Structures are given as structure tokens and as C-alpha cells.
Protein backbone atom coordinates (compact mmCIF):
# COMPACT_ATOMS: atom_id res chain seq x y z
CA MET A 1 9.63 -47.05 23.03
CA VAL A 2 8.15 -48.86 26.11
CA ILE A 3 5.96 -52.28 25.08
CA ILE A 4 3.44 -53.78 26.88
CA MET A 5 4.60 -57.81 26.99
CA ALA A 6 3.52 -60.90 28.08
CA ASN A 7 4.19 -59.69 32.22
CA GLU A 8 2.78 -56.45 31.40
CA ALA A 9 0.05 -57.99 29.73
CA ASN A 10 -1.01 -59.98 32.70
CA GLU A 11 -0.56 -56.66 35.01
CA VAL A 12 -3.21 -54.77 32.65
CA ALA A 13 -5.24 -58.17 33.12
CA GLU A 14 -4.98 -57.53 36.85
CA ARG A 15 -6.13 -53.93 36.58
CA LEU A 16 -9.10 -54.49 34.20
CA ARG A 17 -10.16 -56.86 36.98
CA GLY A 18 -9.46 -54.51 39.78
CA LEU A 19 -11.14 -51.68 37.75
CA ARG A 20 -14.32 -53.56 36.92
CA GLU A 21 -14.82 -54.67 40.51
CA SER A 22 -14.01 -51.54 42.30
CA CYS A 23 -16.69 -50.49 40.23
CA ASP A 24 -19.12 -53.05 41.69
CA THR A 25 -19.45 -54.82 38.28
CA THR A 26 -19.52 -58.21 37.66
CA ALA A 27 -17.68 -59.96 34.54
CA ALA A 28 -20.88 -61.08 32.91
CA GLU A 29 -22.26 -57.68 33.29
CA LEU A 30 -18.55 -55.96 31.56
CA ALA A 31 -19.27 -58.76 29.09
CA ALA A 32 -22.73 -57.96 27.87
CA ARG A 33 -21.67 -54.63 27.31
CA LEU A 34 -18.73 -55.50 25.48
CA SER A 35 -20.71 -57.64 23.25
CA ILE A 36 -19.11 -60.53 23.82
CA PRO A 37 -19.39 -64.09 25.54
CA VAL A 38 -18.39 -63.96 29.57
CA GLU A 39 -15.79 -66.64 28.42
CA THR A 40 -13.84 -64.58 26.53
CA TYR A 41 -14.32 -61.62 28.90
CA LEU A 42 -13.27 -63.96 31.92
CA GLY A 43 -10.07 -64.63 29.42
CA TYR A 44 -8.82 -60.90 29.21
CA GLU A 45 -8.81 -60.96 33.34
CA ASP A 46 -7.00 -64.16 34.35
CA GLY A 47 -4.34 -63.12 31.04
CA SER A 48 -5.13 -66.39 28.90
CA VAL A 49 -6.81 -64.52 25.86
CA ASP A 50 -4.77 -61.52 24.11
CA ILE A 51 -7.42 -58.03 24.95
CA PRO A 52 -8.22 -56.17 21.41
CA ILE A 53 -7.40 -52.53 21.64
CA SER A 54 -11.20 -52.18 20.49
CA ALA A 55 -12.20 -53.84 24.19
CA LEU A 56 -9.67 -52.07 26.17
CA TYR A 57 -11.06 -48.43 24.44
CA LYS A 58 -14.94 -49.85 25.21
CA VAL A 59 -13.43 -50.44 28.50
CA VAL A 60 -11.94 -47.26 29.64
CA GLY A 61 -15.47 -45.63 28.12
CA ILE A 62 -17.84 -47.65 30.31
CA PHE A 63 -15.63 -46.95 33.52
CA ASN A 64 -14.47 -43.48 32.20
CA VAL A 65 -10.61 -43.76 33.14
CA ASP A 66 -7.90 -43.27 30.70
CA LEU A 67 -6.23 -45.69 28.38
CA THR A 68 -3.03 -44.75 29.90
CA GLU A 69 -3.84 -45.72 33.51
CA LEU A 70 -5.06 -49.41 32.06
CA LEU A 71 -2.43 -50.15 30.44
CA THR A 72 0.73 -48.59 32.81
CA GLY A 73 -1.16 -48.13 36.40
CA ASN A 74 0.07 -45.12 35.80
CA SER A 75 -2.09 -41.10 35.41
CA PRO A 76 -1.41 -39.43 32.83
CA LYS A 77 0.21 -35.89 34.44
CA LEU A 78 -0.02 -33.23 31.23
CA ASP A 79 -3.14 -30.96 30.61
CA THR A 80 -1.50 -28.06 28.17
CA TYR A 81 0.71 -30.49 26.05
CA CYS A 82 2.48 -33.31 25.69
CA VAL A 83 5.43 -33.96 23.86
CA VAL A 84 6.81 -37.83 22.82
CA ARG A 85 10.28 -38.42 21.12
CA ASP A 86 10.93 -40.52 18.84
CA GLY A 87 11.16 -44.20 20.41
CA GLN A 88 9.57 -43.32 23.63
CA GLY A 89 5.58 -44.40 23.37
CA ILE A 90 3.77 -46.51 25.29
CA GLY A 91 3.48 -49.85 23.11
CA VAL A 92 1.15 -52.32 23.11
CA ASP A 93 1.89 -55.40 21.43
CA ARG A 94 -1.48 -56.77 21.38
CA TYR A 95 -1.32 -59.71 18.42
CA PRO A 96 1.42 -61.41 16.72
CA GLY A 97 2.77 -58.73 14.31
CA TYR A 98 0.41 -55.95 14.76
CA GLN A 99 1.78 -53.44 17.44
CA PHE A 100 0.50 -49.72 18.62
CA THR A 101 2.29 -47.42 20.39
CA SER A 102 0.25 -44.73 22.16
CA VAL A 103 2.41 -41.08 21.02
CA ALA A 104 -0.04 -38.71 23.66
CA PHE A 105 -0.25 -41.24 26.69
CA ASN A 106 0.75 -38.87 29.54
CA PHE A 107 -2.00 -36.00 28.39
CA GLN A 108 -4.83 -35.80 30.49
CA HIS A 109 -8.30 -36.03 29.75
CA ARG A 110 -7.39 -36.68 25.60
CA LYS A 111 -10.42 -36.62 23.35
CA MET A 112 -8.71 -38.47 20.54
CA GLU A 113 -6.01 -41.60 20.93
CA PRO A 114 -3.28 -40.92 18.26
CA LEU A 115 -1.29 -44.43 17.55
CA ILE A 116 1.28 -45.43 15.32
CA VAL A 117 0.89 -49.33 14.29
CA THR A 118 3.48 -51.34 12.91
CA LEU A 119 2.19 -54.19 10.97
CA ASP A 120 4.26 -57.12 10.30
CA PHE A 121 4.09 -58.60 6.61
CA ASP A 122 2.64 -62.47 7.10
CA ALA A 123 1.34 -63.73 3.75
CA ASP A 124 -0.89 -66.31 5.18
CA ASP A 125 -2.44 -63.16 6.36
CA PRO A 126 -3.84 -64.35 10.38
CA HIS A 127 -5.57 -60.83 11.24
CA LYS A 128 -8.21 -61.23 9.04
CA LYS A 129 -10.89 -61.04 11.92
CA LEU A 130 -12.44 -57.60 11.59
CA VAL A 131 -13.16 -55.27 14.94
CA THR A 132 -15.52 -52.39 15.37
CA HIS A 133 -15.63 -49.61 17.80
CA THR A 134 -17.53 -46.51 18.42
CA GLY A 135 -16.39 -42.61 17.49
CA GLN A 136 -14.54 -42.39 14.33
CA GLU A 137 -11.03 -43.32 12.56
CA PHE A 138 -8.37 -41.53 10.57
CA ASN A 139 -5.80 -44.08 9.17
CA TYR A 140 -2.00 -41.87 7.72
CA VAL A 141 0.16 -44.53 6.00
CA ILE A 142 4.19 -43.40 7.10
CA ASP A 143 5.71 -46.50 5.65
CA GLY A 144 5.06 -49.20 3.48
CA THR A 145 1.79 -50.56 1.87
CA VAL A 146 -1.56 -51.13 3.85
CA ARG A 147 -4.51 -52.97 2.96
CA LEU A 148 -7.52 -51.62 4.80
CA THR A 149 -10.82 -53.66 4.78
CA LEU A 150 -14.15 -51.69 5.37
CA GLY A 151 -16.55 -54.41 5.74
CA THR A 152 -16.50 -56.13 2.23
CA LYS A 153 -14.49 -53.11 0.25
CA ASP A 154 -10.18 -53.36 0.21
CA ILE A 155 -8.47 -49.78 0.22
CA LEU A 156 -5.00 -50.06 -0.48
CA LEU A 157 -3.01 -47.12 1.12
CA ARG A 158 0.55 -46.32 0.13
CA ARG A 159 2.75 -43.97 1.85
CA GLY A 160 1.32 -40.57 2.38
CA ASP A 161 -2.41 -42.23 1.84
CA CYS A 162 -5.24 -41.83 4.05
CA CYS A 163 -8.64 -42.66 5.17
CA TYR A 164 -11.09 -41.46 7.77
CA PHE A 165 -13.91 -43.97 8.48
CA ASP A 166 -16.49 -44.90 10.36
CA PRO A 167 -15.08 -47.62 13.20
CA MET A 168 -18.71 -48.94 13.67
CA ILE A 169 -17.77 -50.39 10.00
CA PRO A 170 -15.85 -53.74 10.58
CA HIS A 171 -12.48 -52.91 9.38
CA GLY A 172 -9.38 -54.24 9.80
CA GLN A 173 -5.22 -53.05 8.53
CA HIS A 174 -2.95 -55.64 7.06
CA ALA A 175 0.13 -54.80 5.94
CA VAL A 176 1.31 -55.98 1.97
CA GLU A 177 4.25 -57.02 0.28
CA GLY A 178 6.25 -56.21 4.13
CA SER A 179 5.98 -54.67 6.88
CA ALA A 180 4.18 -50.85 7.13
CA ARG A 181 3.44 -48.81 9.29
CA PHE A 182 0.85 -46.25 10.29
CA LEU A 183 -0.30 -43.53 11.96
CA THR A 184 -4.26 -43.97 13.31
CA VAL A 185 -6.14 -41.40 15.73
CA ILE A 186 -9.50 -42.51 17.18
CA LEU A 187 -11.92 -40.12 18.31
CA GLU A 188 -14.42 -41.20 20.57
């Protein structure tokens, strides 16, 4: 698997700034569209603040570009089918203990984004911040146990369990009793 780490994260930040500038949008305008403080957005651009995957989805939606282009600088090439072999996805390490792997990154004009998410167990559960984004979301647990928080409700999902939900509800996933992996499919 290819993982986007610190130096690549800086490249993502540079591509984000370049995309915004090429679309003649100010940092303040984009921050407002993302519903975040301009200081937070500027942190995304200078690499001092990790960019949540939900913010990346919003940005690519606003500017009508592919997530793969923003993450890697390369355009997807395939338009009839895309095979990604085990371990060959494009990974995004956005938060400690929370890793996304795109498993359809080379397919053009995707209408959904399938990702394998690997969660490390942390007894202190530092990922209490919940996120929201547009579209619809589907989670299917591959390994371990995941606590899916939807608003004020916690749902335990074990291997083979799944949940389809409205991601405008503040939500987050957390590993329970050890690491966990799940497939998430985000439909915009």
C-alpha cells in the first residue's frame, strides 16, 4: 500500500493551495464554504493542521476534481473497471491510529469512494471529535469490533456487521478491544 505520510501531506497541502488559487478563490471564501475558521483552513494549506478526510471530500466537490488528483497529483486513468490488488491501495494517514486506503483510486469519475479504514485501539479514545459530510455512507466491518457513534447513539459493529447512514449526522468510528478494519463507501 502507498501511504501519504508527512512529506506527501505537505504536497497535498501545496496542491490544495494551488487548486484554490487556480480557481480564483480566497482562503476566506473556501473556509466559509467548508464551515471552518479561516485560520484552520490556512493551517491545512501550510501543513500545520491535519486535513480531515471529510474536508478533502468537500474541497474536491467544490472544485469538481478527483480526490486521487488532490492526494497524489495524478489523474485516474481507468473508465471501464479498476482492479486494486491486496496492499496496493493509496493510503492516507490523517490522524494517529486512523488510516484510510482508497481502493478505487484509479477509476475516473467515481460516484462513490470505497475506502478500507484501519483503526488502532486507544483506551483513551482520542478521536472523540465527530465529523459530518454530505452524501450517504456505508460501513462494513472486516476485522475486529468498531463502535460507530451516530449523534448521541453508539452502535457496536463486529466482523460481518454493517451500517448504512446519513453522514450529515455527526459520526465517528473507534476500535474496541484492539485494532479493527472496516470498508467504508461514501456516496456523494
